[in-house]
Amino acid sequence: GDGRVQAVTTDNVVLLGLISRNPGKYKLVGKSFTQEPYGIGLKKGDDA
């Protein structure tokens, strides 16, 4: 917004959330270039 950068990149749904808070200010390019599977991070070794 203040011009320090020309773009922001991260997951599409995260960007959609930011756009929803700033209507008319930003837009999504709409060209996804990765797949990002979201997981629940847990302590290693507690398989149960």
ModelCIF file with pLDDT and N, C-alpha, C, O atoms, coordinates in Angstrom:
data_MODEL
#
_entry.id   MODEL 
#
_entity.id                         1 
_entity.type                       polymer 
_entity.pdbx_number_of_molecules   1 
#
_entity_poly.entity_id                      1 
_entity_poly.type                           'polypeptide(L)' 
_entity_poly.nstd_linkage                   no 
_entity_poly.nstd_monomer                   no 
_entity_poly.pdbx_seq_one_letter_code       GDGRVQAVTTDNVVLLGLISRNPGKYKLVGKSFTQEPYGIGLKKGDDA 
_entity_poly.pdbx_seq_one_letter_code_can   GDGRVQAVTTDNVVLLGLISRNPGKYKLVGKSFTQEPYGIGLKKGDDA 
_entity_poly.pdbx_strand_id                 A 
#
loop_
_entity_poly_seq.entity_id 
_entity_poly_seq.num 
_entity_poly_seq.mon_id 
_entity_poly_seq.hetero 
1 1  GLY n 
1 2  ASP n 
1 3  GLY n 
1 4  ARG n 
1 5  VAL n 
1 6  GLN n 
1 7  ALA n 
1 8  VAL n 
1 9  THR n 
1 10 THR n 
1 11 ASP n 
1 12 ASN n 
1 13 VAL n 
1 14 VAL n 
1 15 LEU n 
1 16 LEU n 
1 17 GLY n 
1 18 LEU n 
1 19 ILE n 
1 20 SER n 
1 21 ARG n 
1 22 ASN n 
1 23 PRO n 
1 24 GLY n 
1 25 LYS n 
1 26 TYR n 
1 27 LYS n 
1 28 LEU n 
1 29 VAL n 
1 30 GLY n 
1 31 LYS n 
1 32 SER n 
1 33 PHE n 
1 34 THR n 
1 35 GLN n 
1 36 GLU n 
1 37 PRO n 
1 38 TYR n 
1 39 GLY n 
1 40 ILE n 
1 41 GLY n 
1 42 LEU n 
1 43 LYS n 
1 44 LYS n 
1 45 GLY n 
1 46 ASP n 
1 47 ASP n 
1 48 ALA n 
#
_struct_asym.id          A 
_struct_asym.entity_id   1 
#
loop_
_ma_qa_metric.id 
_ma_qa_metric.mode 
_ma_qa_metric.name 
_ma_qa_metric.software_group_id 
_ma_qa_metric.type 
1 global pLDDT . pLDDT 
2 local  pLDDT . pLDDT 
#
_ma_qa_metric_global.metric_id      1 
_ma_qa_metric_global.metric_value   94.98 
_ma_qa_metric_global.model_id       1 
_ma_qa_metric_global.ordinal_id     1 
#
loop_
_ma_qa_metric_local.label_asym_id 
_ma_qa_metric_local.label_comp_id 
_ma_qa_metric_local.label_seq_id 
_ma_qa_metric_local.metric_id 
_ma_qa_metric_local.metric_value 
_ma_qa_metric_local.model_id 
_ma_qa_metric_local.ordinal_id 
A GLY 1  2 97.00 1 1  
A ASP 2  2 97.00 1 2  
A GLY 3  2 97.00 1 3  
A ARG 4  2 98.00 1 4  
A VAL 5  2 98.00 1 5  
A GLN 6  2 98.00 1 6  
A ALA 7  2 98.00 1 7  
A VAL 8  2 98.00 1 8  
A THR 9  2 98.00 1 9  
A THR 10 2 95.00 1 10 
A ASP 11 2 94.00 1 11 
A ASN 12 2 94.00 1 12 
A VAL 13 2 91.00 1 13 
A VAL 14 2 92.00 1 14 
A LEU 15 2 95.00 1 15 
A LEU 16 2 92.00 1 16 
A GLY 17 2 91.00 1 17 
A LEU 18 2 93.00 1 18 
A ILE 19 2 93.00 1 19 
A SER 20 2 89.00 1 20 
A ARG 21 2 87.00 1 21 
A ASN 22 2 86.00 1 22 
A PRO 23 2 88.00 1 23 
A GLY 24 2 93.00 1 24 
A LYS 25 2 96.00 1 25 
A TYR 26 2 97.00 1 26 
A LYS 27 2 96.00 1 27 
A LEU 28 2 95.00 1 28 
A VAL 29 2 96.00 1 29 
A GLY 30 2 92.00 1 30 
A LYS 31 2 93.00 1 31 
A SER 32 2 95.00 1 32 
A PHE 33 2 96.00 1 33 
A THR 34 2 96.00 1 34 
A GLN 35 2 94.00 1 35 
A GLU 36 2 94.00 1 36 
A PRO 37 2 96.00 1 37 
A TYR 38 2 97.00 1 38 
A GLY 39 2 98.00 1 39 
A ILE 40 2 98.00 1 40 
A GLY 41 2 98.00 1 41 
A LEU 42 2 98.00 1 42 
A LYS 43 2 97.00 1 43 
A LYS 44 2 97.00 1 44 
A GLY 45 2 96.00 1 45 
A ASP 46 2 97.00 1 46 
A ASP 47 2 97.00 1 47 
A ALA 48 2 98.00 1 48 
#
loop_
_atom_site.group_PDB 
_atom_site.id 
_atom_site.type_symbol 
_atom_site.label_atom_id 
_atom_site.label_alt_id 
_atom_site.label_comp_id 
_atom_site.label_asym_id 
_atom_site.label_entity_id 
_atom_site.label_seq_id 
_atom_site.pdbx_PDB_ins_code 
_atom_site.Cartn_x 
_atom_site.Cartn_y 
_atom_site.Cartn_z 
_atom_site.occupancy 
_atom_site.B_iso_or_equiv 
_atom_site.pdbx_formal_charge 
_atom_site.auth_seq_id 
_atom_site.auth_comp_id 
_atom_site.auth_asym_id 
_atom_site.auth_atom_id 
_atom_site.pdbx_PDB_model_num 
ATOM 1   N N  . GLY A 1 1  ? 0.799   -1.214  0.000   1.00 97.00 ? 1  GLY A N  1 
ATOM 2   C CA . GLY A 1 1  ? 0.000   0.000   0.000   1.00 97.00 ? 1  GLY A CA 1 
ATOM 3   C C  . GLY A 1 1  ? 0.832   1.263   0.000   1.00 97.00 ? 1  GLY A C  1 
ATOM 4   O O  . GLY A 1 1  ? 0.456   2.249   -0.634  1.00 97.00 ? 1  GLY A O  1 
ATOM 5   N N  . ASP A 1 2  ? 1.971   1.252   0.708   1.00 97.00 ? 2  ASP A N  1 
ATOM 6   C CA . ASP A 1 2  ? 2.777   2.477   0.798   1.00 97.00 ? 2  ASP A CA 1 
ATOM 7   C C  . ASP A 1 2  ? 3.909   2.525   -0.233  1.00 97.00 ? 2  ASP A C  1 
ATOM 8   O O  . ASP A 1 2  ? 4.728   3.444   -0.219  1.00 97.00 ? 2  ASP A O  1 
ATOM 9   N N  . GLY A 1 3  ? 3.949   1.539   -1.117  1.00 97.00 ? 3  GLY A N  1 
ATOM 10  C CA . GLY A 1 3  ? 4.881   1.591   -2.235  1.00 97.00 ? 3  GLY A CA 1 
ATOM 11  C C  . GLY A 1 3  ? 6.255   1.017   -1.993  1.00 97.00 ? 3  GLY A C  1 
ATOM 12  O O  . GLY A 1 3  ? 7.123   1.124   -2.860  1.00 97.00 ? 3  GLY A O  1 
ATOM 13  N N  . ARG A 1 4  ? 6.483   0.406   -0.836  1.00 98.00 ? 4  ARG A N  1 
ATOM 14  C CA . ARG A 1 4  ? 7.796   -0.195  -0.598  1.00 98.00 ? 4  ARG A CA 1 
ATOM 15  C C  . ARG A 1 4  ? 8.030   -1.401  -1.498  1.00 98.00 ? 4  ARG A C  1 
ATOM 16  O O  . ARG A 1 4  ? 9.173   -1.716  -1.829  1.00 98.00 ? 4  ARG A O  1 
ATOM 17  N N  . VAL A 1 5  ? 6.956   -2.075  -1.894  1.00 98.00 ? 5  VAL A N  1 
ATOM 18  C CA . VAL A 1 5  ? 7.057   -3.216  -2.804  1.00 98.00 ? 5  VAL A CA 1 
ATOM 19  C C  . VAL A 1 5  ? 6.005   -3.076  -3.894  1.00 98.00 ? 5  VAL A C  1 
ATOM 20  O O  . VAL A 1 5  ? 5.080   -2.271  -3.782  1.00 98.00 ? 5  VAL A O  1 
ATOM 21  N N  . GLN A 1 6  ? 6.156   -3.866  -4.946  1.00 98.00 ? 6  GLN A N  1 
ATOM 22  C CA . GLN A 1 6  ? 5.195   -3.852  -6.048  1.00 98.00 ? 6  GLN A CA 1 
ATOM 23  C C  . GLN A 1 6  ? 4.250   -5.043  -6.020  1.00 98.00 ? 6  GLN A C  1 
ATOM 24  O O  . GLN A 1 6  ? 3.274   -5.086  -6.770  1.00 98.00 ? 6  GLN A O  1 
ATOM 25  N N  . ALA A 1 7  ? 4.539   -6.008  -5.157  1.00 98.00 ? 7  ALA A N  1 
ATOM 26  C CA . ALA A 1 7  ? 3.691   -7.195  -5.097  1.00 98.00 ? 7  ALA A CA 1 
ATOM 27  C C  . ALA A 1 7  ? 3.879   -7.911  -3.765  1.00 98.00 ? 7  ALA A C  1 
ATOM 28  O O  . ALA A 1 7  ? 4.890   -7.743  -3.084  1.00 98.00 ? 7  ALA A O  1 
ATOM 29  N N  . VAL A 1 8  ? 2.886   -8.705  -3.417  1.00 98.00 ? 8  VAL A N  1 
ATOM 30  C CA . VAL A 1 8  ? 2.955   -9.608  -2.271  1.00 98.00 ? 8  VAL A CA 1 
ATOM 31  C C  . VAL A 1 8  ? 2.667   -10.999 -2.802  1.00 98.00 ? 8  VAL A C  1 
ATOM 32  O O  . VAL A 1 8  ? 1.752   -11.176 -3.606  1.00 98.00 ? 8  VAL A O  1 
ATOM 33  N N  . THR A 1 9  ? 3.435   -11.990 -2.363  1.00 98.00 ? 9  THR A N  1 
ATOM 34  C CA . THR A 1 9  ? 3.157   -13.351 -2.814  1.00 98.00 ? 9  THR A CA 1 
ATOM 35  C C  . THR A 1 9  ? 3.054   -14.303 -1.631  1.00 98.00 ? 9  THR A C  1 
ATOM 36  O O  . THR A 1 9  ? 3.905   -14.326 -0.742  1.00 98.00 ? 9  THR A O  1 
ATOM 37  N N  . THR A 1 10 ? 1.997   -15.073 -1.654  1.00 95.00 ? 10 THR A N  1 
ATOM 38  C CA . THR A 1 10 ? 1.768   -16.177 -0.717  1.00 95.00 ? 10 THR A CA 1 
ATOM 39  C C  . THR A 1 10 ? 0.566   -16.961 -1.233  1.00 95.00 ? 10 THR A C  1 
ATOM 40  O O  . THR A 1 10 ? 0.198   -16.831 -2.400  1.00 95.00 ? 10 THR A O  1 
ATOM 41  N N  . ASP A 1 11 ? -0.045  -17.767 -0.378  1.00 94.00 ? 11 ASP A N  1 
ATOM 42  C CA . ASP A 1 11 ? -1.136  -18.618 -0.820  1.00 94.00 ? 11 ASP A CA 1 
ATOM 43  C C  . ASP A 1 11 ? -2.357  -17.795 -1.221  1.00 94.00 ? 11 ASP A C  1 
ATOM 44  O O  . ASP A 1 11 ? -2.659  -16.768 -0.613  1.00 94.00 ? 11 ASP A O  1 
ATOM 45  N N  . ASN A 1 12 ? -3.054  -18.267 -2.257  1.00 94.00 ? 12 ASN A N  1 
ATOM 46  C CA . ASN A 1 12 ? -4.162  -17.505 -2.840  1.00 94.00 ? 12 ASN A CA 1 
ATOM 47  C C  . ASN A 1 12 ? -5.247  -17.155 -1.821  1.00 94.00 ? 12 ASN A C  1 
ATOM 48  O O  . ASN A 1 12 ? -5.763  -16.037 -1.829  1.00 94.00 ? 12 ASN A O  1 
ATOM 49  N N  . VAL A 1 13 ? -5.597  -18.102 -0.941  1.00 91.00 ? 13 VAL A N  1 
ATOM 50  C CA . VAL A 1 13 ? -6.675  -17.813 0.012   1.00 91.00 ? 13 VAL A CA 1 
ATOM 51  C C  . VAL A 1 13 ? -6.253  -16.792 1.054   1.00 91.00 ? 13 VAL A C  1 
ATOM 52  O O  . VAL A 1 13 ? -7.086  -16.038 1.556   1.00 91.00 ? 13 VAL A O  1 
ATOM 53  N N  . VAL A 1 14 ? -4.962  -16.761 1.385   1.00 92.00 ? 14 VAL A N  1 
ATOM 54  C CA . VAL A 1 14 ? -4.452  -15.752 2.312   1.00 92.00 ? 14 VAL A CA 1 
ATOM 55  C C  . VAL A 1 14 ? -4.558  -14.375 1.663   1.00 92.00 ? 14 VAL A C  1 
ATOM 56  O O  . VAL A 1 14 ? -4.974  -13.408 2.301   1.00 92.00 ? 14 VAL A O  1 
ATOM 57  N N  . LEU A 1 15 ? -4.181  -14.296 0.403   1.00 95.00 ? 15 LEU A N  1 
ATOM 58  C CA . LEU A 1 15 ? -4.272  -13.029 -0.322  1.00 95.00 ? 15 LEU A CA 1 
ATOM 59  C C  . LEU A 1 15 ? -5.722  -12.588 -0.491  1.00 95.00 ? 15 LEU A C  1 
ATOM 60  O O  . LEU A 1 15 ? -6.024  -11.399 -0.386  1.00 95.00 ? 15 LEU A O  1 
ATOM 61  N N  . LEU A 1 16 ? -6.616  -13.531 -0.749  1.00 92.00 ? 16 LEU A N  1 
ATOM 62  C CA . LEU A 1 16 ? -8.040  -13.182 -0.859  1.00 92.00 ? 16 LEU A CA 1 
ATOM 63  C C  . LEU A 1 16 ? -8.548  -12.563 0.440   1.00 92.00 ? 16 LEU A C  1 
ATOM 64  O O  . LEU A 1 16 ? -9.355  -11.634 0.422   1.00 92.00 ? 16 LEU A O  1 
ATOM 65  N N  . GLY A 1 17 ? -8.070  -13.084 1.556   1.00 91.00 ? 17 GLY A N  1 
ATOM 66  C CA . GLY A 1 17 ? -8.462  -12.517 2.848   1.00 91.00 ? 17 GLY A CA 1 
ATOM 67  C C  . GLY A 1 17 ? -7.982  -11.086 2.999   1.00 91.00 ? 17 GLY A C  1 
ATOM 68  O O  . GLY A 1 17 ? -8.721  -10.234 3.493   1.00 91.00 ? 17 GLY A O  1 
ATOM 69  N N  . LEU A 1 18 ? -6.743  -10.806 2.575   1.00 93.00 ? 18 LEU A N  1 
ATOM 70  C CA . LEU A 1 18 ? -6.216  -9.447  2.641   1.00 93.00 ? 18 LEU A CA 1 
ATOM 71  C C  . LEU A 1 18 ? -6.975  -8.519  1.698   1.00 93.00 ? 18 LEU A C  1 
ATOM 72  O O  . LEU A 1 18 ? -7.246  -7.368  2.039   1.00 93.00 ? 18 LEU A O  1 
ATOM 73  N N  . ILE A 1 19 ? -7.312  -9.015  0.523   1.00 93.00 ? 19 ILE A N  1 
ATOM 74  C CA . ILE A 1 19 ? -8.068  -8.217  -0.446  1.00 93.00 ? 19 ILE A CA 1 
ATOM 75  C C  . ILE A 1 19 ? -9.453  -7.883  0.094   1.00 93.00 ? 19 ILE A C  1 
ATOM 76  O O  . ILE A 1 19 ? -9.968  -6.787  -0.126  1.00 93.00 ? 19 ILE A O  1 
ATOM 77  N N  . SER A 1 20 ? -10.061 -8.855  0.815   1.00 89.00 ? 20 SER A N  1 
ATOM 78  C CA . SER A 1 20 ? -11.408 -8.634  1.350   1.00 89.00 ? 20 SER A CA 1 
ATOM 79  C C  . SER A 1 20 ? -11.431 -7.514  2.386   1.00 89.00 ? 20 SER A C  1 
ATOM 80  O O  . SER A 1 20 ? -12.475 -6.905  2.619   1.00 89.00 ? 20 SER A O  1 
ATOM 81  N N  . ARG A 1 21 ? -10.295 -7.243  3.002   1.00 87.00 ? 21 ARG A N  1 
ATOM 82  C CA . ARG A 1 21 ? -10.207 -6.173  4.003   1.00 87.00 ? 21 ARG A CA 1 
ATOM 83  C C  . ARG A 1 21 ? -9.877  -4.819  3.379   1.00 87.00 ? 21 ARG A C  1 
ATOM 84  O O  . ARG A 1 21 ? -9.945  -3.786  4.045   1.00 87.00 ? 21 ARG A O  1 
ATOM 85  N N  . ASN A 1 22 ? -9.522  -4.833  2.098   1.00 86.00 ? 22 ASN A N  1 
ATOM 86  C CA . ASN A 1 22 ? -9.124  -3.602  1.411   1.00 86.00 ? 22 ASN A CA 1 
ATOM 87  C C  . ASN A 1 22 ? -9.819  -3.518  0.059   1.00 86.00 ? 22 ASN A C  1 
ATOM 88  O O  . ASN A 1 22 ? -9.147  -3.513  -0.972  1.00 86.00 ? 22 ASN A O  1 
ATOM 89  N N  . PRO A 1 23 ? -11.144 -3.453  0.035   1.00 88.00 ? 23 PRO A N  1 
ATOM 90  C CA . PRO A 1 23 ? -11.878 -3.483  -1.238  1.00 88.00 ? 23 PRO A CA 1 
ATOM 91  C C  . PRO A 1 23 ? -11.472 -2.357  -2.171  1.00 88.00 ? 23 PRO A C  1 
ATOM 92  O O  . PRO A 1 23 ? -11.395 -1.190  -1.786  1.00 88.00 ? 23 PRO A O  1 
ATOM 93  N N  . GLY A 1 24 ? -11.209 -2.754  -3.432  1.00 93.00 ? 24 GLY A N  1 
ATOM 94  C CA . GLY A 1 24 ? -10.849 -1.773  -4.437  1.00 93.00 ? 24 GLY A CA 1 
ATOM 95  C C  . GLY A 1 24 ? -9.396  -1.364  -4.437  1.00 93.00 ? 24 GLY A C  1 
ATOM 96  O O  . GLY A 1 24 ? -8.961  -0.641  -5.333  1.00 93.00 ? 24 GLY A O  1 
ATOM 97  N N  . LYS A 1 25 ? -8.634  -1.806  -3.458  1.00 96.00 ? 25 LYS A N  1 
ATOM 98  C CA . LYS A 1 25 ? -7.243  -1.368  -3.320  1.00 96.00 ? 25 LYS A CA 1 
ATOM 99  C C  . LYS A 1 25 ? -6.266  -2.349  -3.958  1.00 96.00 ? 25 LYS A C  1 
ATOM 100 O O  . LYS A 1 25 ? -5.307  -1.942  -4.614  1.00 96.00 ? 25 LYS A O  1 
ATOM 101 N N  . TYR A 1 26 ? -6.514  -3.645  -3.763  1.00 97.00 ? 26 TYR A N  1 
ATOM 102 C CA . TYR A 1 26 ? -5.638  -4.676  -4.283  1.00 97.00 ? 26 TYR A CA 1 
ATOM 103 C C  . TYR A 1 26 ? -6.425  -5.667  -5.140  1.00 97.00 ? 26 TYR A C  1 
ATOM 104 O O  . TYR A 1 26 ? -7.655  -5.706  -5.110  1.00 97.00 ? 26 TYR A O  1 
ATOM 105 N N  . LYS A 1 27 ? -5.675  -6.469  -5.908  1.00 96.00 ? 27 LYS A N  1 
ATOM 106 C CA . LYS A 1 27 ? -6.303  -7.530  -6.689  1.00 96.00 ? 27 LYS A CA 1 
ATOM 107 C C  . LYS A 1 27 ? -5.394  -8.753  -6.724  1.00 96.00 ? 27 LYS A C  1 
ATOM 108 O O  . LYS A 1 27 ? -4.186  -8.655  -6.507  1.00 96.00 ? 27 LYS A O  1 
ATOM 109 N N  . LEU A 1 28 ? -5.996  -9.899  -7.001  1.00 95.00 ? 28 LEU A N  1 
ATOM 110 C CA . LEU A 1 28 ? -5.257  -11.153 -7.142  1.00 95.00 ? 28 LEU A CA 1 
ATOM 111 C C  . LEU A 1 28 ? -4.910  -11.329 -8.620  1.00 95.00 ? 28 LEU A C  1 
ATOM 112 O O  . LEU A 1 28 ? -5.774  -11.179 -9.484  1.00 95.00 ? 28 LEU A O  1 
ATOM 113 N N  . VAL A 1 29 ? -3.658  -11.643 -8.907  1.00 96.00 ? 29 VAL A N  1 
ATOM 114 C CA . VAL A 1 29 ? -3.261  -11.890 -10.293 1.00 96.00 ? 29 VAL A CA 1 
ATOM 115 C C  . VAL A 1 29 ? -4.004  -13.108 -10.843 1.00 96.00 ? 29 VAL A C  1 
ATOM 116 O O  . VAL A 1 29 ? -4.403  -13.131 -12.007 1.00 96.00 ? 29 VAL A O  1 
ATOM 117 N N  . GLY A 1 30 ? -4.183  -14.125 -9.983  1.00 92.00 ? 30 GLY A N  1 
ATOM 118 C CA . GLY A 1 30 ? -4.971  -15.288 -10.391 1.00 92.00 ? 30 GLY A CA 1 
ATOM 119 C C  . GLY A 1 30 ? -4.201  -16.315 -11.188 1.00 92.00 ? 30 GLY A C  1 
ATOM 120 O O  . GLY A 1 30 ? -4.778  -17.014 -12.021 1.00 92.00 ? 30 GLY A O  1 
ATOM 121 N N  . LYS A 1 31 ? -2.901  -16.417 -10.946 1.00 93.00 ? 31 LYS A N  1 
ATOM 122 C CA . LYS A 1 31 ? -2.065  -17.413 -11.627 1.00 93.00 ? 31 LYS A CA 1 
ATOM 123 C C  . LYS A 1 31 ? -1.269  -18.196 -10.577 1.00 93.00 ? 31 LYS A C  1 
ATOM 124 O O  . LYS A 1 31 ? -0.096  -17.911 -10.335 1.00 93.00 ? 31 LYS A O  1 
ATOM 125 N N  . SER A 1 32 ? -1.920  -19.181 -9.962  1.00 95.00 ? 32 SER A N  1 
ATOM 126 C CA . SER A 1 32 ? -1.235  -19.990 -8.953  1.00 95.00 ? 32 SER A CA 1 
ATOM 127 C C  . SER A 1 32 ? -0.086  -20.761 -9.604  1.00 95.00 ? 32 SER A C  1 
ATOM 128 O O  . SER A 1 32 ? -0.221  -21.257 -10.723 1.00 95.00 ? 32 SER A O  1 
ATOM 129 N N  . PHE A 1 33 ? 1.036   -20.861 -8.904  1.00 96.00 ? 33 PHE A N  1 
ATOM 130 C CA . PHE A 1 33 ? 2.193   -21.551 -9.469  1.00 96.00 ? 33 PHE A CA 1 
ATOM 131 C C  . PHE A 1 33 ? 2.749   -22.637 -8.550  1.00 96.00 ? 33 PHE A C  1 
ATOM 132 O O  . PHE A 1 33 ? 3.816   -23.187 -8.823  1.00 96.00 ? 33 PHE A O  1 
ATOM 133 N N  . THR A 1 34 ? 2.043   -22.952 -7.469  1.00 96.00 ? 34 THR A N  1 
ATOM 134 C CA . THR A 1 34 ? 2.428   -24.073 -6.602  1.00 96.00 ? 34 THR A CA 1 
ATOM 135 C C  . THR A 1 34 ? 1.173   -24.710 -6.020  1.00 96.00 ? 34 THR A C  1 
ATOM 136 O O  . THR A 1 34 ? 0.070   -24.184 -6.169  1.00 96.00 ? 34 THR A O  1 
ATOM 137 N N  . GLN A 1 35 ? 1.351   -25.835 -5.362  1.00 94.00 ? 35 GLN A N  1 
ATOM 138 C CA . GLN A 1 35 ? 0.320   -26.429 -4.512  1.00 94.00 ? 35 GLN A CA 1 
ATOM 139 C C  . GLN A 1 35 ? 0.842   -26.436 -3.085  1.00 94.00 ? 35 GLN A C  1 
ATOM 140 O O  . GLN A 1 35 ? 1.975   -26.846 -2.833  1.00 94.00 ? 35 GLN A O  1 
ATOM 141 N N  . GLU A 1 36 ? 0.006   -25.977 -2.143  1.00 94.00 ? 36 GLU A N  1 
ATOM 142 C CA . GLU A 1 36 ? 0.416   -25.837 -0.752  1.00 94.00 ? 36 GLU A CA 1 
ATOM 143 C C  . GLU A 1 36 ? -0.543  -26.624 0.155   1.00 94.00 ? 36 GLU A C  1 
ATOM 144 O O  . GLU A 1 36 ? -1.599  -26.113 0.526   1.00 94.00 ? 36 GLU A O  1 
ATOM 145 N N  . PRO A 1 37 ? -0.180  -27.867 0.512   1.00 96.00 ? 37 PRO A N  1 
ATOM 146 C CA . PRO A 1 37 ? -1.037  -28.653 1.409   1.00 96.00 ? 37 PRO A CA 1 
ATOM 147 C C  . PRO A 1 37 ? -0.872  -28.200 2.855   1.00 96.00 ? 37 PRO A C  1 
ATOM 148 O O  . PRO A 1 37 ? 0.216   -28.311 3.421   1.00 96.00 ? 37 PRO A O  1 
ATOM 149 N N  . TYR A 1 38 ? -1.947  -27.691 3.455   1.00 97.00 ? 38 TYR A N  1 
ATOM 150 C CA . TYR A 1 38 ? -1.885  -27.221 4.835   1.00 97.00 ? 38 TYR A CA 1 
ATOM 151 C C  . TYR A 1 38 ? -2.028  -28.394 5.799   1.00 97.00 ? 38 TYR A C  1 
ATOM 152 O O  . TYR A 1 38 ? -2.951  -29.200 5.686   1.00 97.00 ? 38 TYR A O  1 
ATOM 153 N N  . GLY A 1 39 ? -1.101  -28.473 6.746   1.00 98.00 ? 39 GLY A N  1 
ATOM 154 C CA . GLY A 1 39 ? -1.153  -29.529 7.744   1.00 98.00 ? 39 GLY A CA 1 
ATOM 155 C C  . GLY A 1 39 ? -1.197  -28.971 9.153   1.00 98.00 ? 39 GLY A C  1 
ATOM 156 O O  . GLY A 1 39 ? -1.006  -27.774 9.370   1.00 98.00 ? 39 GLY A O  1 
ATOM 157 N N  . ILE A 1 40 ? -1.450  -29.852 10.102  1.00 98.00 ? 40 ILE A N  1 
ATOM 158 C CA . ILE A 1 40 ? -1.442  -29.514 11.525  1.00 98.00 ? 40 ILE A CA 1 
ATOM 159 C C  . ILE A 1 40 ? -0.104  -29.967 12.093  1.00 98.00 ? 40 ILE A C  1 
ATOM 160 O O  . ILE A 1 40 ? 0.188   -31.162 12.149  1.00 98.00 ? 40 ILE A O  1 
ATOM 161 N N  . GLY A 1 41 ? 0.708   -28.998 12.514  1.00 98.00 ? 41 GLY A N  1 
ATOM 162 C CA . GLY A 1 41 ? 2.034   -29.312 13.031  1.00 98.00 ? 41 GLY A CA 1 
ATOM 163 C C  . GLY A 1 41 ? 1.977   -29.860 14.443  1.00 98.00 ? 41 GLY A C  1 
ATOM 164 O O  . GLY A 1 41 ? 1.295   -29.303 15.303  1.00 98.00 ? 41 GLY A O  1 
ATOM 165 N N  . LEU A 1 42 ? 2.696   -30.960 14.688  1.00 98.00 ? 42 LEU A N  1 
ATOM 166 C CA . LEU A 1 42 ? 2.679   -31.659 15.971  1.00 98.00 ? 42 LEU A CA 1 
ATOM 167 C C  . LEU A 1 42 ? 4.108   -32.029 16.387  1.00 98.00 ? 42 LEU A C  1 
ATOM 168 O O  . LEU A 1 42 ? 5.020   -32.079 15.562  1.00 98.00 ? 42 LEU A O  1 
ATOM 169 N N  . LYS A 1 43 ? 4.273   -32.284 17.679  1.00 97.00 ? 43 LYS A N  1 
ATOM 170 C CA . LYS A 1 43 ? 5.594   -32.670 18.180  1.00 97.00 ? 43 LYS A CA 1 
ATOM 171 C C  . LYS A 1 43 ? 6.013   -33.999 17.550  1.00 97.00 ? 43 LYS A C  1 
ATOM 172 O O  . LYS A 1 43 ? 5.214   -34.929 17.444  1.00 97.00 ? 43 LYS A O  1 
ATOM 173 N N  . LYS A 1 44 ? 7.249   -34.069 17.145  1.00 97.00 ? 44 LYS A N  1 
ATOM 174 C CA . LYS A 1 44 ? 7.731   -35.251 16.448  1.00 97.00 ? 44 LYS A CA 1 
ATOM 175 C C  . LYS A 1 44 ? 7.742   -36.464 17.376  1.00 97.00 ? 44 LYS A C  1 
ATOM 176 O O  . LYS A 1 44 ? 8.206   -36.390 18.514  1.00 97.00 ? 44 LYS A O  1 
ATOM 177 N N  . GLY A 1 45 ? 7.220   -37.582 16.866  1.00 96.00 ? 45 GLY A N  1 
ATOM 178 C CA . GLY A 1 45 ? 7.305   -38.845 17.578  1.00 96.00 ? 45 GLY A CA 1 
ATOM 179 C C  . GLY A 1 45 ? 6.071   -39.273 18.341  1.00 96.00 ? 45 GLY A C  1 
ATOM 180 O O  . GLY A 1 45 ? 5.984   -40.432 18.747  1.00 96.00 ? 45 GLY A O  1 
ATOM 181 N N  . ASP A 1 46 ? 5.097   -38.368 18.556  1.00 97.00 ? 46 ASP A N  1 
ATOM 182 C CA . ASP A 1 46 ? 3.879   -38.759 19.260  1.00 97.00 ? 46 ASP A CA 1 
ATOM 183 C C  . ASP A 1 46 ? 2.861   -39.264 18.226  1.00 97.00 ? 46 ASP A C  1 
ATOM 184 O O  . ASP A 1 46 ? 1.895   -38.580 17.886  1.00 97.00 ? 46 ASP A O  1 
ATOM 185 N N  . ASP A 1 47 ? 3.114   -40.476 17.744  1.00 97.00 ? 47 ASP A N  1 
ATOM 186 C CA . ASP A 1 47 ? 2.296   -41.021 16.661  1.00 97.00 ? 47 ASP A CA 1 
ATOM 187 C C  . ASP A 1 47 ? 0.842   -41.243 17.071  1.00 97.00 ? 47 ASP A C  1 
ATOM 188 O O  . ASP A 1 47 ? -0.061  -41.144 16.241  1.00 97.00 ? 47 ASP A O  1 
ATOM 189 N N  . ALA A 1 48 ? 0.620   -41.540 18.344  1.00 98.00 ? 48 ALA A N  1 
ATOM 190 C CA . ALA A 1 48 ? -0.761  -41.767 18.803  1.00 98.00 ? 48 ALA A CA 1 
ATOM 191 C C  . ALA A 1 48 ? -1.575  -40.481 18.697  1.00 98.00 ? 48 ALA A C  1 
ATOM 192 O O  . ALA A 1 48 ? -2.759  -40.469 19.035  1.00 98.00 ? 48 ALA A O  1 
#
